[in-house]
PDB file of N, CA and C in Angstrom:
ATOM      1  N   GLU A   1     103.179  78.581 167.911  1.00  0.00           N
ATOM      2  CA  GLU A   1     104.345  78.026 167.801  1.00  0.00           C
ATOM      3  C   GLU A   1     105.086  77.822 166.703  1.00  0.00           C
ATOM      4  N   GLU A   2     106.367  78.175 166.468  1.00  0.00           N
ATOM      5  CA  GLU A   2     107.075  78.529 165.153  1.00  0.00           C
ATOM      6  C   GLU A   2     108.294  77.531 165.640  1.00  0.00           C
ATOM      7  N   THR A   3     108.960  76.969 164.408  1.00  0.00           N
ATOM      8  CA  THR A   3     110.149  76.084 164.467  1.00  0.00           C
ATOM      9  C   THR A   3     111.237  77.164 163.753  1.00  0.00           C
ATOM     10  N   VAL A   4     112.452  77.446 163.699  1.00  0.00           N
ATOM     11  CA  VAL A   4     113.246  77.549 163.087  1.00  0.00           C
ATOM     12  C   VAL A   4     115.006  76.723 162.842  1.00  0.00           C
ATOM     13  N   THR A   5     115.306  76.849 161.802  1.00  0.00           N
ATOM     14  CA  THR A   5     116.066  75.386 161.695  1.00  0.00           C
ATOM     15  C   THR A   5     117.709  76.519 161.238  1.00  0.00           C
ATOM     16  N   MET A   6     118.940  76.395 161.924  1.00  0.00           N
ATOM     17  CA  MET A   6     119.793  76.890 161.521  1.00  0.00           C
ATOM     18  C   MET A   6     120.570  75.597 161.499  1.00  0.00           C
ATOM     19  N   THR A   7     121.769  75.526 160.570  1.00  0.00           N
ATOM     20  CA  THR A   7     122.353  74.825 160.547  1.00  0.00           C
ATOM     21  C   THR A   7     124.179  75.448 161.019  1.00  0.00           C
ATOM     22  N   VAL A   8     125.164  75.095 161.389  1.00  0.00           N
ATOM     23  CA  VAL A   8     126.210  74.700 161.722  1.00  0.00           C
ATOM     24  C   VAL A   8     127.328  73.885 160.926  1.00  0.00           C
ATOM     25  N   SER A   9     127.894  74.718 160.414  1.00  0.00           N
ATOM     26  CA  SER A   9     128.702  73.911 159.413  1.00  0.00           C
ATOM     27  C   SER A   9     130.056  73.608 160.129  1.00  0.00           C
ATOM     28  N   TYR A  10     130.488  72.550 159.688  1.00  0.00           N
ATOM     29  CA  TYR A  10     132.125  71.852 159.978  1.00  0.00           C
ATOM     30  C   TYR A  10     133.076  73.020 160.294  1.00  0.00           C
ATOM     31  N   SER A  11     133.440  73.591 159.212  1.00  0.00           N
ATOM     32  CA  SER A  11     133.898  75.036 158.857  1.00  0.00           C
ATOM     33  C   SER A  11     133.905  76.250 160.366  1.00  0.00           C
ATOM     34  N   GLU A  12     132.383  75.907 160.379  1.00  0.00           N
ATOM     35  CA  GLU A  12     132.105  76.997 161.761  1.00  0.00           C
ATOM     36  C   GLU A  12     132.835  76.925 163.096  1.00  0.00           C
ATOM     37  N   TYR A  13     132.129  75.885 163.197  1.00  0.00           N
ATOM     38  CA  TYR A  13     132.763  74.834 164.585  1.00  0.00           C
ATOM     39  C   TYR A  13     134.329  73.909 164.615  1.00  0.00           C
ATOM     40  N   GLN A  14     134.216  73.807 163.721  1.00  0.00           N
ATOM     41  CA  GLN A  14     136.203  73.075 163.408  1.00  0.00           C
ATOM     42  C   GLN A  14     136.978  74.019 164.619  1.00  0.00           C
ATOM     43  N   PRO A  15     137.172  75.343 164.346  1.00  0.00           N
ATOM     44  CA  PRO A  15     138.324  76.063 165.114  1.00  0.00           C
ATOM     45  C   PRO A  15     138.009  75.834 166.605  1.00  0.00           C
ATOM     46  N   HIS A  16     137.188  75.728 167.041  1.00  0.00           N
ATOM     47  CA  HIS A  16     136.678  75.632 168.402  1.00  0.00           C
ATOM     48  C   HIS A  16     136.537  74.457 169.349  1.00  0.00           C
ATOM     49  N   VAL A  17     136.626  73.588 168.519  1.00  0.00           N
ATOM     50  CA  VAL A  17     136.447  71.717 169.135  1.00  0.00           C
ATOM     51  C   VAL A  17     137.860  71.875 169.791  1.00  0.00           C
ATOM     52  N   GLY A  18     138.905  71.444 168.989  1.00  0.00           N
ATOM     53  CA  GLY A  18     140.219  71.109 169.198  1.00  0.00           C
ATOM     54  C   GLY A  18     140.273  69.946 169.769  1.00  0.00           C
ATOM     55  N   ASP A  19     140.690  69.458 170.567  1.00  0.00           N
ATOM     56  CA  ASP A  19     140.475  67.937 170.973  1.00  0.00           C
ATOM     57  C   ASP A  19     139.238  67.506 171.813  1.00  0.00           C
ATOM     58  N   GLN A  20     138.476  68.517 172.067  1.00  0.00           N
ATOM     59  CA  GLN A  20     137.280  67.776 172.859  1.00  0.00           C
ATOM     60  C   GLN A  20     136.277  67.303 172.224  1.00  0.00           C
ATOM     61  N   ASP A  21     135.617  65.999 172.422  1.00  0.00           N
ATOM     62  CA  ASP A  21     134.370  65.806 171.420  1.00  0.00           C
ATOM     63  C   ASP A  21     132.855  66.538 171.983  1.00  0.00           C
ATOM     64  N   ALA A  22     132.869  67.376 172.503  1.00  0.00           N
ATOM     65  CA  ALA A  22     131.801  68.365 172.300  1.00  0.00           C
ATOM     66  C   ALA A  22     131.292  69.802 172.116  1.00  0.00           C
ATOM     67  N   LEU A  23     130.260  69.835 171.871  1.00  0.00           N
ATOM     68  CA  LEU A  23     129.999  71.743 171.497  1.00  0.00           C
ATOM     69  C   LEU A  23     129.167  72.351 171.926  1.00  0.00           C
ATOM     70  N   LYS A  24     129.003  73.470 172.571  1.00  0.00           N
ATOM     71  CA  LYS A  24     128.163  73.689 173.464  1.00  0.00           C
ATOM     72  C   LYS A  24     127.492  75.139 172.959  1.00  0.00           C
ATOM     73  N   LEU A  25     126.254  74.785 172.426  1.00  0.00           N
ATOM     74  CA  LEU A  25     125.365  76.130 171.664  1.00  0.00           C
ATOM     75  C   LEU A  25     124.382  76.827 172.492  1.00  0.00           C
ATOM     76  N   THR A  26     124.522  78.036 172.143  1.00  0.00           N
ATOM     77  CA  THR A  26     123.458  78.783 173.047  1.00  0.00           C
ATOM     78  C   THR A  26     123.041  79.186 172.483  1.00  0.00           C
ATOM     79  N   VAL A  27     121.301  79.575 172.212  1.00  0.00           N
ATOM     80  CA  VAL A  27     120.478  80.402 171.862  1.00  0.00           C
ATOM     81  C   VAL A  27     119.740  81.361 172.332  1.00  0.00           C
ATOM     82  N   ALA A  28     119.670  82.795 171.737  1.00  0.00           N
ATOM     83  CA  ALA A  28     119.126  83.654 173.157  1.00  0.00           C
ATOM     84  C   ALA A  28     118.150  84.377 171.940  1.00  0.00           C
ATOM     85  N   GLY A  29     117.081  85.021 172.874  1.00  0.00           N
ATOM     86  CA  GLY A  29     116.371  85.554 172.007  1.00  0.00           C
ATOM     87  C   GLY A  29     115.408  86.749 173.183  1.00  0.00           C
ATOM     88  N   ALA A  30     114.901  87.801 171.945  1.00  0.00           N
ATOM     89  CA  ALA A  30     114.263  88.862 173.358  1.00  0.00           C
ATOM     90  C   ALA A  30     113.023  88.752 172.617  1.00  0.00           C
ATOM     91  N   VAL A  31     111.750  89.267 173.919  1.00  0.00           N
ATOM     92  CA  VAL A  31     110.515  89.364 173.236  1.00  0.00           C
ATOM     93  C   VAL A  31     110.430  91.253 173.032  1.00  0.00           C
ATOM     94  N   GLN A  32     110.179  91.638 171.812  1.00  0.00           N
ATOM     95  CA  GLN A  32     110.074  92.858 171.519  1.00  0.00           C
ATOM     96  C   GLN A  32     109.127  93.819 172.633  1.00  0.00           C
ATOM     97  N   GLU A  33     107.504  93.100 172.857  1.00  0.00           N
ATOM     98  CA  GLU A  33     106.505  93.827 173.259  1.00  0.00           C
ATOM     99  C   GLU A  33     106.821  93.769 174.866  1.00  0.00           C
ATOM    100  N   THR A  34     107.683  92.721 175.267  1.00  0.00           N
ATOM    101  CA  THR A  34     108.031  92.899 176.884  1.00  0.00           C
ATOM    102  C   THR A  34     109.808  93.325 177.157  1.00  0.00           C
ATOM    103  N   GLY A  35     110.281  92.769 176.706  1.00  0.00           N
ATOM    104  CA  GLY A  35     112.053  93.020 176.552  1.00  0.00           C
ATOM    105  C   GLY A  35     112.191  91.978 177.235  1.00  0.00           C
ATOM    106  N   GLN A  36     110.934  90.779 177.422  1.00  0.00           N
ATOM    107  CA  GLN A  36     111.976  89.450 178.229  1.00  0.00           C
ATOM    108  C   GLN A  36     112.719  88.974 177.213  1.00  0.00           C
ATOM    109  N   VAL A  37     113.967  88.047 178.117  1.00  0.00           N
ATOM    110  CA  VAL A  37     114.905  87.822 177.155  1.00  0.00           C
ATOM    111  C   VAL A  37     114.811  85.975 177.526  1.00  0.00           C
ATOM    112  N   LEU A  38     114.977  85.653 176.682  1.00  0.00           N
ATOM    113  CA  LEU A  38     115.135  83.848 176.393  1.00  0.00           C
ATOM    114  C   LEU A  38     116.309  83.707 176.401  1.00  0.00           C
ATOM    115  N   ALA A  39     116.650  82.722 176.707  1.00  0.00           N
ATOM    116  CA  ALA A  39     117.796  81.502 176.805  1.00  0.00           C
ATOM    117  C   ALA A  39     118.004  80.638 176.832  1.00  0.00           C
ATOM    118  N   LYS A  40     118.331  79.629 175.909  1.00  0.00           N
ATOM    119  CA  LYS A  40     118.587  77.946 176.155  1.00  0.00           C
ATOM    120  C   LYS A  40     120.014  77.093 175.612  1.00  0.00           C
ATOM    121  N   GLU A  41     120.418  76.877 176.783  1.00  0.00           N
ATOM    122  CA  GLU A  41     122.038  76.346 175.976  1.00  0.00           C
ATOM    123  C   GLU A  41     122.198  74.500 175.795  1.00  0.00           C
ATOM    124  N   LEU A  42     122.898  74.142 175.067  1.00  0.00           N
ATOM    125  CA  LEU A  42     122.587  72.550 175.180  1.00  0.00           C
ATOM    126  C   LEU A  42     123.811  71.979 174.642  1.00  0.00           C
ATOM    127  N   ARG A  43     124.555  71.218 174.961  1.00  0.00           N
ATOM    128  CA  ARG A  43     125.942  70.424 174.946  1.00  0.00           C
ATOM    129  C   ARG A  43     126.021  69.369 174.099  1.00  0.00           C
ATOM    130  N   VAL A  44     126.069  69.425 172.913  1.00  0.00           N
ATOM    131  CA  VAL A  44     126.180  68.052 171.948  1.00  0.00           C
ATOM    132  C   VAL A  44     127.632  66.924 171.968  1.00  0.00           C
ATOM    133  N   ARG A  45     126.965  66.111 172.502  1.00  0.00           N
ATOM    134  CA  ARG A  45     128.636  65.054 172.151  1.00  0.00           C
ATOM    135  C   ARG A  45     128.727  65.008 170.756  1.00  0.00           C
ATOM    136  N   LEU A  46     129.866  65.043 170.312  1.00  0.00           N
ATOM    137  CA  LEU A  46     129.888  64.732 168.919  1.00  0.00           C
ATOM    138  C   LEU A  46     130.750  63.048 169.067  1.00  0.00           C
ATOM    139  N   HIS A  47     130.140  62.644 167.379  1.00  0.00           N
ATOM    140  CA  HIS A  47     130.212  61.189 167.575  1.00  0.00           C
ATOM    141  C   HIS A  47     132.091  61.320 166.707  1.00  0.00           C
ATOM    142  N   THR A  48     132.494  60.118 167.891  1.00  0.00           N
ATOM    143  CA  THR A  48     134.182  59.711 167.003  1.00  0.00           C
ATOM    144  C   THR A  48     133.868  58.485 166.283  1.00  0.00           C
ATOM    145  N   PRO A  49     134.526  57.949 165.276  1.00  0.00           N
ATOM    146  CA  PRO A  49     134.368  57.119 164.266  1.00  0.00           C
ATOM    147  C   PRO A  49     134.551  55.790 165.319  1.00  0.00           C
ATOM    148  N   GLU A  50     134.122  54.706 164.747  1.00  0.00           N
ATOM    149  CA  GLU A  50     134.460  53.740 165.419  1.00  0.00           C
ATOM    150  C   GLU A  50     135.594  52.820 164.877  1.00  0.00           C
ATOM    151  N   LEU A  51     136.188  52.073 165.730  1.00  0.00           N
ATOM    152  CA  LEU A  51     137.740  51.214 165.251  1.00  0.00           C
ATOM    153  C   LEU A  51     136.886  49.870 165.179  1.00  0.00           C
ATOM    154  N   THR A  52     137.441  49.224 163.847  1.00  0.00           N
ATOM    155  CA  THR A  52     137.019  47.730 163.895  1.00  0.00           C
ATOM    156  C   THR A  52     138.542  47.418 163.584  1.00  0.00           C
ATOM    157  N   LEU A  53     139.104  45.957 164.730  1.00  0.00           N
ATOM    158  CA  LEU A  53     139.983  45.466 164.664  1.00  0.00           C
ATOM    159  C   LEU A  53     139.551  43.579 164.407  1.00  0.00           C
ATOM    160  N   THR A  54     140.700  43.478 163.603  1.00  0.00           N
ATOM    161  CA  THR A  54     140.481  41.815 162.693  1.00  0.00           C
ATOM    162  C   THR A  54     141.775  41.553 163.064  1.00  0.00           C
ATOM    163  N   LEU A  55     141.920  40.477 163.290  1.00  0.00           N
ATOM    164  CA  LEU A  55     142.914  39.209 163.414  1.00  0.00           C
ATOM    165  C   LEU A  55     143.231  38.669 161.919  1.00  0.00           C
ATOM    166  N   LEU A  56     144.194  39.149 161.327  1.00  0.00           N
ATOM    167  CA  LEU A  56     144.808  38.707 160.034  1.00  0.00           C
ATOM    168  C   LEU A  56     145.423  37.287 159.934  1.00  0.00           C
ATOM    169  N   GLY A  57     146.025  36.278 160.906  1.00  0.00           N
ATOM    170  CA  GLY A  57     145.842  35.293 161.247  1.00  0.00           C
ATOM    171  C   GLY A  57     145.766  34.670 162.295  1.00  0.00           C
ATOM    172  N   PRO A  58     146.129  33.149 162.715  1.00  0.00           N
ATOM    173  CA  PRO A  58     146.099  32.363 164.071  1.00  0.00           C
ATOM    174  C   PRO A  58     146.929  33.498 164.957  1.00  0.00           C
ATOM    175  N   ALA A  59     146.218  33.525 166.150  1.00  0.00           N
ATOM    176  CA  ALA A  59     146.670  33.772 167.648  1.00  0.00           C
ATOM    177  C   ALA A  59     147.291  32.915 168.530  1.00  0.00           C
ATOM    178  N   VAL A  60     148.743  32.715 168.271  1.00  0.00           N
ATOM    179  CA  VAL A  60     149.461  31.657 168.613  1.00  0.00           C
ATOM    180  C   VAL A  60     150.411  32.051 169.769  1.00  0.00           C
ATOM    181  N   VAL A  61     150.616  31.549 170.852  1.00  0.00           N
ATOM    182  CA  VAL A  61     151.298  31.851 171.671  1.00  0.00           C
ATOM    183  C   VAL A  61     152.917  32.127 171.432  1.00  0.00           C
ATOM    184  N   GLY A  62     153.385  33.159 171.611  1.00  0.00           N
ATOM    185  CA  GLY A  62     154.895  33.212 171.220  1.00  0.00           C
ATOM    186  C   GLY A  62     155.147  33.689 169.509  1.00  0.00           C
ATOM    187  N   GLN A  63     154.002  34.300 168.925  1.00  0.00           N
ATOM    188  CA  GLN A  63     154.519  34.358 167.542  1.00  0.00           C
ATOM    189  C   GLN A  63     153.383  35.560 167.155  1.00  0.00           C
ATOM    190  N   GLU A  64     153.982  36.415 166.758  1.00  0.00           N
ATOM    191  CA  GLU A  64     153.292  37.936 165.751  1.00  0.00           C
ATOM    192  C   GLU A  64     151.860  37.259 165.283  1.00  0.00           C
ATOM    193  N   VAL A  65     150.910  38.012 165.335  1.00  0.00           N
ATOM    194  CA  VAL A  65     149.950  37.790 164.687  1.00  0.00           C
ATOM    195  C   VAL A  65     149.209  39.430 164.266  1.00  0.00           C
ATOM    196  N   PRO A  66     149.486  39.473 162.733  1.00  0.00           N
ATOM    197  CA  PRO A  66     148.837  40.599 162.376  1.00  0.00           C
ATOM    198  C   PRO A  66     147.474  41.073 162.297  1.00  0.00           C
ATOM    199  N   VAL A  67     147.269  42.507 162.894  1.00  0.00           N
ATOM    200  CA  VAL A  67     146.225  43.362 163.071  1.00  0.00           C
ATOM    201  C   VAL A  67     145.591  43.573 162.244  1.00  0.00           C
ATOM    202  N   GLN A  68     144.482  44.157 161.428  1.00  0.00           N
ATOM    203  CA  GLN A  68     144.305  45.023 160.879  1.00  0.00           C
ATOM    204  C   GLN A  68     143.033  46.033 161.886  1.00  0.00           C
ATOM    205  N   VAL A  69     143.614  47.300 161.379  1.00  0.00           N
ATOM    206  CA  VAL A  69     142.822  48.389 161.613  1.00  0.00           C
ATOM    207  C   VAL A  69     141.692  49.048 160.849  1.00  0.00           C
ATOM    208  N   VAL A  70     140.673  49.219 161.172  1.00  0.00           N
ATOM    209  CA  VAL A  70     139.828  50.181 160.283  1.00  0.00           C
ATOM    210  C   VAL A  70     138.728  51.232 160.676  1.00  0.00           C
ATOM    211  N   PHE A  71     138.824  52.320 160.209  1.00  0.00           N
ATOM    212  CA  PHE A  71     138.159  53.733 160.442  1.00  0.00           C
ATOM    213  C   PHE A  71     138.186  54.193 159.581  1.00  0.00           C
ATOM    214  N   GLN A  72     136.769  55.184 159.294  1.00  0.00           N
ATOM    215  CA  GLN A  72     136.428  55.662 158.233  1.00  0.00           C
ATOM    216  C   GLN A  72     136.524  57.525 158.760  1.00  0.00           C
ATOM    217  N   ASN A  73     137.506  58.492 158.169  1.00  0.00           N
ATOM    218  CA  ASN A  73     137.769  59.726 158.734  1.00  0.00           C
ATOM    219  C   ASN A  73     135.849  60.582 158.314  1.00  0.00           C
ATOM    220  N   PRO A  74     135.368  60.736 159.388  1.00  0.00           N
ATOM    221  CA  PRO A  74     134.488  61.922 159.129  1.00  0.00           C
ATOM    222  C   PRO A  74     134.544  63.307 158.508  1.00  0.00           C
ATOM    223  N   LEU A  75     135.300  63.348 158.392  1.00  0.00           N
ATOM    224  CA  LEU A  75     135.796  65.127 158.620  1.00  0.00           C
ATOM    225  C   LEU A  75     135.838  65.203 157.167  1.00  0.00           C
ATOM    226  N   PRO A  76     135.832  66.024 156.413  1.00  0.00           N
ATOM    227  CA  PRO A  76     135.899  67.121 155.037  1.00  0.00           C
ATOM    228  C   PRO A  76     137.666  66.977 154.554  1.00  0.00           C
ATOM    229  N   GLU A  77     138.518  66.893 155.304  1.00  0.00           N
ATOM    230  CA  GLU A  77     139.628  66.578 155.438  1.00  0.00           C
ATOM    231  C   GLU A  77     140.866  66.060 155.700  1.00  0.00           C
ATOM    232  N   ALA A  78     141.792  66.090 155.133  1.00  0.00           N
ATOM    233  CA  ALA A  78     142.724  64.538 155.268  1.00  0.00           C
ATOM    234  C   ALA A  78     143.448  64.885 156.983  1.00  0.00           C
ATOM    235  N   LEU A  79     143.679  63.641 157.339  1.00  0.00           N
ATOM    236  CA  LEU A  79     144.369  63.459 158.813  1.00  0.00           C
ATOM    237  C   LEU A  79     145.569  63.730 158.794  1.00  0.00           C
ATOM    238  N   THR A  80     145.806  64.548 159.870  1.00  0.00           N
ATOM    239  CA  THR A  80     147.579  64.804 159.539  1.00  0.00           C
ATOM    240  C   THR A  80     148.172  64.946 161.205  1.00  0.00           C
ATOM    241  N   GLY A  81     148.995  63.978 161.387  1.00  0.00           N
ATOM    242  CA  GLY A  81     149.542  64.289 162.373  1.00  0.00           C
ATOM    243  C   GLY A  81     149.012  63.089 163.420  1.00  0.00           C
ATOM    244  N   ALA A  82     148.277  62.220 163.109  1.00  0.00           N
ATOM    245  CA  ALA A  82     147.550  61.291 163.344  1.00  0.00           C
ATOM    246  C   ALA A  82     148.517  60.021 164.049  1.00  0.00           C
ATOM    247  N   SER A  83     148.286  59.427 165.198  1.00  0.00           N
ATOM    248  CA  SER A  83     148.468  57.825 165.275  1.00  0.00           C
ATOM    249  C   SER A  83     147.790  56.912 165.989  1.00  0.00           C
ATOM    250  N   LEU A  84     148.067  55.895 165.587  1.00  0.00           N
ATOM    251  CA  LEU A  84     147.447  54.799 166.351  1.00  0.00           C
ATOM    252  C   LEU A  84     148.351  53.591 166.963  1.00  0.00           C
ATOM    253  N   ARG A  85     148.561  53.433 168.295  1.00  0.00           N
ATOM    254  CA  ARG A  85     149.281  52.538 169.235  1.00  0.00           C
ATOM    255  C   ARG A  85     148.072  51.428 169.810  1.00  0.00           C
ATOM    256  N   MET A  86     148.620  50.385 169.838  1.00  0.00           N
ATOM    257  CA  MET A  86     148.002  49.436 170.153  1.00  0.00           C
ATOM    258  C   MET A  86     148.294  48.941 171.623  1.00  0.00           C
ATOM    259  N   GLU A  87     147.944  48.663 172.371  1.00  0.00           N
ATOM    260  CA  GLU A  87     148.142  48.386 173.889  1.00  0.00           C
ATOM    261  C   GLU A  87     147.119  46.877 174.372  1.00  0.00           C
ATOM    262  N   GLY A  88     148.009  46.581 175.300  1.00  0.00           N
ATOM    263  CA  GLY A  88     147.209  45.490 175.743  1.00  0.00           C
ATOM    264  C   GLY A  88     148.626  44.143 176.497  1.00  0.00           C
ATOM    265  N   ALA A  89     147.905  43.077 177.319  1.00  0.00           N
ATOM    266  CA  ALA A  89     148.249  42.724 178.161  1.00  0.00           C
ATOM    267  C   ALA A  89     149.892  41.975 177.473  1.00  0.00           C
ATOM    268  N   GLY A  90     150.548  41.945 177.889  1.00  0.00           N
ATOM    269  CA  GLY A  90     151.947  41.122 177.250  1.00  0.00           C
ATOM    270  C   GLY A  90     152.647  41.875 176.238  1.00  0.00           C
ATOM    271  N   ILE A  91     151.826  43.211 175.703  1.00  0.00           N
ATOM    272  CA  ILE A  91     152.486  44.026 174.584  1.00  0.00           C
ATOM    273  C   ILE A  91     153.464  45.354 175.946  1.00  0.00           C
ATOM    274  N   ALA A  92     154.878  44.723 175.879  1.00  0.00           N
ATOM    275  CA  ALA A  92     155.411  45.671 176.545  1.00  0.00           C
ATOM    276  C   ALA A  92     155.876  46.970 176.747  1.00  0.00           C
ATOM    277  N   CYS A  93     156.000  47.156 175.127  1.00  0.00           N
ATOM    278  CA  CYS A  93     156.153  48.667 174.607  1.00  0.00           C
ATOM    279  C   CYS A  93     155.586  49.057 173.280  1.00  0.00           C
ATOM    280  N   PRO A  94     154.565  49.179 173.476  1.00  0.00           N
ATOM    281  CA  PRO A  94     153.473  49.670 172.366  1.00  0.00           C
ATOM    282  C   PRO A  94     154.100  50.714 171.284  1.00  0.00           C
ATOM    283  N   LYS A  95     154.155  50.619 170.108  1.00  0.00           N
ATOM    284  CA  LYS A  95     155.085  51.045 169.050  1.00  0.00           C
ATOM    285  C   LYS A  95     153.717  52.156 168.119  1.00  0.00           C
ATOM    286  N   PRO A  96     153.850  53.380 168.446  1.00  0.00           N
ATOM    287  CA  PRO A  96     152.478  54.276 167.563  1.00  0.00           C
ATOM    288  C   PRO A  96     153.385  53.793 166.059  1.00  0.00           C
ATOM    289  N   VAL A  97     151.808  54.007 165.460  1.00  0.00           N
ATOM    290  CA  VAL A  97     152.011  53.980 164.097  1.00  0.00           C
ATOM    291  C   VAL A  97     151.565  55.225 163.360  1.00  0.00           C
ATOM    292  N   SER A  98     151.997  55.930 162.448  1.00  0.00           N
ATOM    293  CA  SER A  98     151.488  56.900 161.726  1.00  0.00           C
ATOM    294  C   SER A  98     150.763  56.869 160.732  1.00  0.00           C
ATOM    295  N   LEU A  99     149.900  57.956 160.792  1.00  0.00           N
ATOM    296  CA  LEU A  99     148.590  57.337 159.607  1.00  0.00           C
ATOM    297  C   LEU A  99     149.242  58.744 159.040  1.00  0.00           C
TER     298      LEU A  99
END
């Protein structure tokens, strides 16, 4: 048995991900003596950052309450064209917040 480690950098797979949260990896090889071809496919789900919501004041009926949203961008590049939108019961017209 032999183990080979291969690294796939973000810059290599980033152009192929788009808005999907998964990668499909395929490894193929051949046995020289027999000509037998071996292949294996693996689907890898990419982890998205967790969002943390915190009320910054008391929640009182009929009054606004500020909500803090925290997350960490795991990518080695700045977010562009991103927005957050809060939805919920009683929120008639959610407004997106640009980041």
